Amino acid sequence: MSVFDVEIDALTGGPAHLAQYRGRAVLIVNVASRCGLTPQYAALEDLQRRYAPRGFTVLGVPCNQFMGEEPGTPEEIATFCSTTYGVTFPMTQKIDVLGETRHPLYAELVHATGADGYHGEVRWNFEKFLIAPDGTVAARFAPQTDPDADEVTTAIEAVLPR
């Protein structure tokens, strides 16, 4: 099973159809609108615009499990992201990424080990998982790692479809 086989809804309703990303590189990020790391939305959107023509997608996954930093409704989240940061990349429904209520998507992702040697539970909002075109987790980055950091862009470029 790959992440492309997981069922999840889109932020605006209906299935997100992750299978549509098979063959693309995808950066999955649990996001929140009221977090100290929320300005990362701007860098995520920059990555989307820069690499989308080469077979890349950012996928935002709202989560409210870290100090209630994503309390909004789907409509509020979509409006905030588009008007504040010009977000055009797709977003899923708001889910849990921790514990017994963790969504199956994150049940798959948390087994990945990051460059810092960490594996296990998501540590905070804006943890990043880079998915290769074949659906495997190619890299994991800590929440504090800027989306446009050299190690992130190098990893993205290494897995872009040829």
C-alpha atoms as a PDB file:
ATOM      1  CA  MET A   1       0.000   0.000   0.000  1.00  0.00           C
ATOM      2  CA  SER A   2       1.252   3.499  -0.816  1.00  0.00           C
ATOM      3  CA  VAL A   3      -0.059   6.877   0.279  1.00  0.00           C
ATOM      4  CA  PHE A   4      -1.667   7.140  -3.136  1.00  0.00           C
ATOM      5  CA  ASP A   5      -4.034   4.328  -2.107  1.00  0.00           C
ATOM      6  CA  VAL A   6      -5.283   6.074   1.060  1.00  0.00           C
ATOM      7  CA  GLU A   7      -8.774   7.538   0.969  1.00  0.00           C
ATOM      8  CA  ILE A   8      -9.139  11.090   2.252  1.00  0.00           C
ATOM      9  CA  ASP A   9     -11.495  13.921   1.419  1.00  0.00           C
ATOM     10  CA  ALA A  10     -10.596  17.301  -0.010  1.00  0.00           C
ATOM     11  CA  LEU A  11     -10.932  20.389   2.164  1.00  0.00           C
ATOM     12  CA  THR A  12     -13.899  21.561   0.128  1.00  0.00           C
ATOM     13  CA  GLY A  13     -15.594  18.146   0.241  1.00  0.00           C
ATOM     14  CA  GLY A  14     -15.597  15.032  -1.854  1.00  0.00           C
ATOM     15  CA  PRO A  15     -12.676  12.659  -2.281  1.00  0.00           C
ATOM     16  CA  ALA A  16      -9.181  14.093  -2.684  1.00  0.00           C
ATOM     17  CA  HIS A  17      -8.250  11.199  -5.015  1.00  0.00           C
ATOM     18  CA  LEU A  18      -4.613  10.844  -3.953  1.00  0.00           C
ATOM     19  CA  ALA A  19      -4.175   8.365  -6.805  1.00  0.00           C
ATOM     20  CA  GLN A  20      -4.101  11.369  -9.145  1.00  0.00           C
ATOM     21  CA  TYR A  21      -0.645  12.162  -7.739  1.00  0.00           C
ATOM     22  CA  ARG A  22       0.821   8.761  -8.645  1.00  0.00           C
ATOM     23  CA  GLY A  23       3.807   9.507 -10.854  1.00  0.00           C
ATOM     24  CA  ARG A  24       4.348  12.918  -9.219  1.00  0.00           C
ATOM     25  CA  ALA A  25       6.500  14.024  -6.300  1.00  0.00           C
ATOM     26  CA  VAL A  26       4.325  15.233  -3.413  1.00  0.00           C
ATOM     27  CA  LEU A  27       5.241  17.159  -0.271  1.00  0.00           C
ATOM     28  CA  ILE A  28       2.625  16.353   2.382  1.00  0.00           C
ATOM     29  CA  VAL A  29       2.517  18.908   5.195  1.00  0.00           C
ATOM     30  CA  ASN A  30       0.229  19.042   8.234  1.00  0.00           C
ATOM     31  CA  VAL A  31      -0.721  22.709   8.346  1.00  0.00           C
ATOM     32  CA  ALA A  32      -2.330  25.157  10.757  1.00  0.00           C
ATOM     33  CA  SER A  33      -3.460  28.760  10.431  1.00  0.00           C
ATOM     34  CA  ARG A  34      -2.607  30.011  13.927  1.00  0.00           C
ATOM     35  CA  CYS A  35       0.860  28.569  14.448  1.00  0.00           C
ATOM     36  CA  GLY A  36       4.188  30.335  14.747  1.00  0.00           C
ATOM     37  CA  LEU A  37       5.197  28.331  11.666  1.00  0.00           C
ATOM     38  CA  THR A  38       2.166  29.419   9.611  1.00  0.00           C
ATOM     39  CA  PRO A  39       4.301  31.797   7.482  1.00  0.00           C
ATOM     40  CA  GLN A  40       5.723  28.611   5.904  1.00  0.00           C
ATOM     41  CA  TYR A  41       2.597  28.691   3.721  1.00  0.00           C
ATOM     42  CA  ALA A  42       4.370  31.319   1.585  1.00  0.00           C
ATOM     43  CA  ALA A  43       7.401  29.083   0.952  1.00  0.00           C
ATOM     44  CA  LEU A  44       5.152  26.079   0.325  1.00  0.00           C
ATOM     45  CA  GLU A  45       3.255  28.057  -2.309  1.00  0.00           C
ATOM     46  CA  ASP A  46       6.578  29.113  -3.853  1.00  0.00           C
ATOM     47  CA  LEU A  47       7.586  25.432  -4.097  1.00  0.00           C
ATOM     48  CA  GLN A  48       4.235  24.635  -5.698  1.00  0.00           C
ATOM     49  CA  ARG A  49       4.639  27.318  -8.344  1.00  0.00           C
ATOM     50  CA  ARG A  50       8.306  26.515  -8.980  1.00  0.00           C
ATOM     51  CA  TYR A  51       8.075  22.739  -9.289  1.00  0.00           C
ATOM     52  CA  ALA A  52       4.488  21.992 -10.383  1.00  0.00           C
ATOM     53  CA  PRO A  53       5.399  22.146 -14.087  1.00  0.00           C
ATOM     54  CA  ARG A  54       8.006  19.441 -13.383  1.00  0.00           C
ATOM     55  CA  GLY A  55       5.600  16.978 -11.752  1.00  0.00           C
ATOM     56  CA  PHE A  56       5.394  18.175  -8.145  1.00  0.00           C
ATOM     57  CA  THR A  57       2.547  19.010  -5.778  1.00  0.00           C
ATOM     58  CA  VAL A  58       2.341  20.339  -2.239  1.00  0.00           C
ATOM     59  CA  LEU A  59      -0.550  18.752  -0.326  1.00  0.00           C
ATOM     60  CA  GLY A  60      -1.711  20.650   2.758  1.00  0.00           C
ATOM     61  CA  VAL A  61      -3.328  18.606   5.514  1.00  0.00           C
ATOM     62  CA  PRO A  62      -4.995  20.776   8.180  1.00  0.00           C
ATOM     63  CA  CYS A  63      -4.747  19.472  11.735  1.00  0.00           C
ATOM     64  CA  ASN A  64      -5.986  20.946  15.021  1.00  0.00           C
ATOM     65  CA  GLN A  65      -4.151  18.610  17.422  1.00  0.00           C
ATOM     66  CA  PHE A  66      -1.326  20.960  18.377  1.00  0.00           C
ATOM     67  CA  MET A  67      -2.619  23.566  20.852  1.00  0.00           C
ATOM     68  CA  GLY A  68      -5.780  24.088  18.787  1.00  0.00           C
ATOM     69  CA  GLU A  69      -3.875  26.048  16.147  1.00  0.00           C
ATOM     70  CA  GLU A  70      -6.250  25.084  13.317  1.00  0.00           C
ATOM     71  CA  PRO A  71      -9.733  25.693  14.731  1.00  0.00           C
ATOM     72  CA  GLY A  72     -11.355  26.901  11.514  1.00  0.00           C
ATOM     73  CA  THR A  73     -14.057  25.393   9.365  1.00  0.00           C
ATOM     74  CA  PRO A  74     -13.058  24.195   5.892  1.00  0.00           C
ATOM     75  CA  GLU A  75     -14.343  27.461   4.435  1.00  0.00           C
ATOM     76  CA  GLU A  76     -12.388  29.551   6.961  1.00  0.00           C
ATOM     77  CA  ILE A  77      -9.205  27.565   6.311  1.00  0.00           C
ATOM     78  CA  ALA A  78      -9.550  27.909   2.526  1.00  0.00           C
ATOM     79  CA  THR A  79     -10.237  31.640   2.747  1.00  0.00           C
ATOM     80  CA  PHE A  80      -7.344  32.260   5.136  1.00  0.00           C
ATOM     81  CA  CYS A  81      -4.882  30.335   2.984  1.00  0.00           C
ATOM     82  CA  SER A  82      -5.894  31.908  -0.297  1.00  0.00           C
ATOM     83  CA  THR A  83      -6.239  35.509   0.890  1.00  0.00           C
ATOM     84  CA  THR A  84      -3.271  35.612   3.289  1.00  0.00           C
ATOM     85  CA  TYR A  85      -0.736  33.463   1.420  1.00  0.00           C
ATOM     86  CA  GLY A  86      -2.167  33.043  -2.081  1.00  0.00           C
ATOM     87  CA  VAL A  87      -2.273  29.272  -1.638  1.00  0.00           C
ATOM     88  CA  THR A  88      -3.202  27.384  -4.792  1.00  0.00           C
ATOM     89  CA  PHE A  89      -1.990  23.916  -3.819  1.00  0.00           C
ATOM     90  CA  PRO A  90      -4.584  21.291  -2.837  1.00  0.00           C
ATOM     91  CA  MET A  91      -5.704  20.790   0.744  1.00  0.00           C
ATOM     92  CA  THR A  92      -7.369  17.821   2.369  1.00  0.00           C
ATOM     93  CA  GLN A  93     -10.023  17.682   5.021  1.00  0.00           C
ATOM     94  CA  LYS A  94      -8.916  18.520   8.553  1.00  0.00           C
ATOM     95  CA  ILE A  95      -7.682  15.315  10.197  1.00  0.00           C
ATOM     96  CA  ASP A  96      -5.891  13.947  13.250  1.00  0.00           C
ATOM     97  CA  VAL A  97      -2.229  13.037  12.754  1.00  0.00           C
ATOM     98  CA  LEU A  98      -1.646  11.662  16.268  1.00  0.00           C
ATOM     99  CA  GLY A  99      -2.909   8.899  18.498  1.00  0.00           C
ATOM    100  CA  GLU A 100      -5.742   6.431  18.174  1.00  0.00           C
ATOM    101  CA  THR A 101      -7.751   8.793  15.948  1.00  0.00           C
ATOM    102  CA  ARG A 102      -4.820   9.300  13.545  1.00  0.00           C
ATOM    103  CA  HIS A 103      -5.922   9.231   9.911  1.00  0.00           C
ATOM    104  CA  PRO A 104      -4.663   6.245   7.854  1.00  0.00           C
ATOM    105  CA  LEU A 105      -2.562   8.634   5.745  1.00  0.00           C
ATOM    106  CA  TYR A 106      -0.448   9.495   8.759  1.00  0.00           C
ATOM    107  CA  ALA A 107      -0.451   5.899   9.971  1.00  0.00           C
ATOM    108  CA  GLU A 108       1.579   5.277   6.791  1.00  0.00           C
ATOM    109  CA  LEU A 109       3.778   8.380   7.043  1.00  0.00           C
ATOM    110  CA  VAL A 110       4.968   8.239  10.662  1.00  0.00           C
ATOM    111  CA  HIS A 111       7.148   5.190  10.017  1.00  0.00           C
ATOM    112  CA  ALA A 112       9.505   7.291   7.880  1.00  0.00           C
ATOM    113  CA  THR A 113      12.812   8.393   9.357  1.00  0.00           C
ATOM    114  CA  GLY A 114      14.026  11.940   8.826  1.00  0.00           C
ATOM    115  CA  ALA A 115      17.538  13.082   8.034  1.00  0.00           C
ATOM    116  CA  ASP A 116      17.892  13.898  11.729  1.00  0.00           C
ATOM    117  CA  GLY A 117      17.244  10.235  12.589  1.00  0.00           C
ATOM    118  CA  TYR A 118      13.798  10.883  14.045  1.00  0.00           C
ATOM    119  CA  HIS A 119      10.887   8.589  13.303  1.00  0.00           C
ATOM    120  CA  GLY A 120       7.558   8.198  15.023  1.00  0.00           C
ATOM    121  CA  GLU A 121       4.779  10.605  15.934  1.00  0.00           C
ATOM    122  CA  VAL A 122       4.421  13.914  14.146  1.00  0.00           C
ATOM    123  CA  ARG A 123       6.133  16.486  16.364  1.00  0.00           C
ATOM    124  CA  TRP A 124       4.200  19.642  15.479  1.00  0.00           C
ATOM    125  CA  ASN A 125       2.441  21.524  12.704  1.00  0.00           C
ATOM    126  CA  PHE A 126       4.328  21.785   9.417  1.00  0.00           C
ATOM    127  CA  GLU A 127       6.153  18.451   9.562  1.00  0.00           C
ATOM    128  CA  LYS A 128       6.940  17.586   5.958  1.00  0.00           C
ATOM    129  CA  PHE A 129       6.931  14.212   4.165  1.00  0.00           C
ATOM    130  CA  LEU A 130       8.269  14.020   0.620  1.00  0.00           C
ATOM    131  CA  ILE A 131       6.609  11.278  -1.405  1.00  0.00           C
ATOM    132  CA  ALA A 132       8.362   9.880  -4.466  1.00  0.00           C
ATOM    133  CA  PRO A 133       6.391   9.282  -7.664  1.00  0.00           C
ATOM    134  CA  ASP A 134       6.102   5.562  -6.771  1.00  0.00           C
ATOM    135  CA  GLY A 135       4.347   6.401  -3.469  1.00  0.00           C
ATOM    136  CA  THR A 136       7.248   5.725  -1.110  1.00  0.00           C
ATOM    137  CA  VAL A 137       8.347   8.234   1.499  1.00  0.00           C
ATOM    138  CA  ALA A 138      11.591   9.697   0.151  1.00  0.00           C
ATOM    139  CA  ALA A 139      12.314  12.168   2.961  1.00  0.00           C
ATOM    140  CA  ARG A 140      10.965  13.615   6.186  1.00  0.00           C
ATOM    141  CA  PHE A 141      11.673  17.097   7.498  1.00  0.00           C
ATOM    142  CA  ALA A 142      11.136  18.600  10.941  1.00  0.00           C
ATOM    143  CA  PRO A 143       8.466  21.272  11.396  1.00  0.00           C
ATOM    144  CA  GLN A 144      11.075  24.009  11.839  1.00  0.00           C
ATOM    145  CA  THR A 145      12.795  23.158   8.543  1.00  0.00           C
ATOM    146  CA  ASP A 146      11.861  25.866   6.080  1.00  0.00           C
ATOM    147  CA  PRO A 147      10.169  24.458   2.976  1.00  0.00           C
ATOM    148  CA  ASP A 148      12.677  26.294   0.773  1.00  0.00           C
ATOM    149  CA  ALA A 149      15.745  25.086   2.696  1.00  0.00           C
ATOM    150  CA  ASP A 150      18.470  23.569   0.540  1.00  0.00           C
ATOM    151  CA  GLU A 151      17.940  20.078   1.967  1.00  0.00           C
ATOM    152  CA  VAL A 152      14.249  20.202   1.025  1.00  0.00           C
ATOM    153  CA  THR A 153      14.712  21.533  -2.493  1.00  0.00           C
ATOM    154  CA  THR A 154      17.586  19.105  -3.124  1.00  0.00           C
ATOM    155  CA  ALA A 155      15.380  16.196  -2.015  1.00  0.00           C
ATOM    156  CA  ILE A 156      12.499  17.422  -4.198  1.00  0.00           C
ATOM    157  CA  GLU A 157      14.729  17.749  -7.249  1.00  0.00           C
ATOM    158  CA  ALA A 158      16.085  14.239  -6.656  1.00  0.00           C
ATOM    159  CA  VAL A 159      12.612  12.660  -6.868  1.00  0.00           C
ATOM    160  CA  LEU A 160      10.980  14.756  -9.582  1.00  0.00           C
ATOM    161  CA  PRO A 161       9.709  12.551 -12.397  1.00  0.00           C
ATOM    162  CA  ARG A 162      12.045  12.387 -15.333  1.00  0.00           C
END
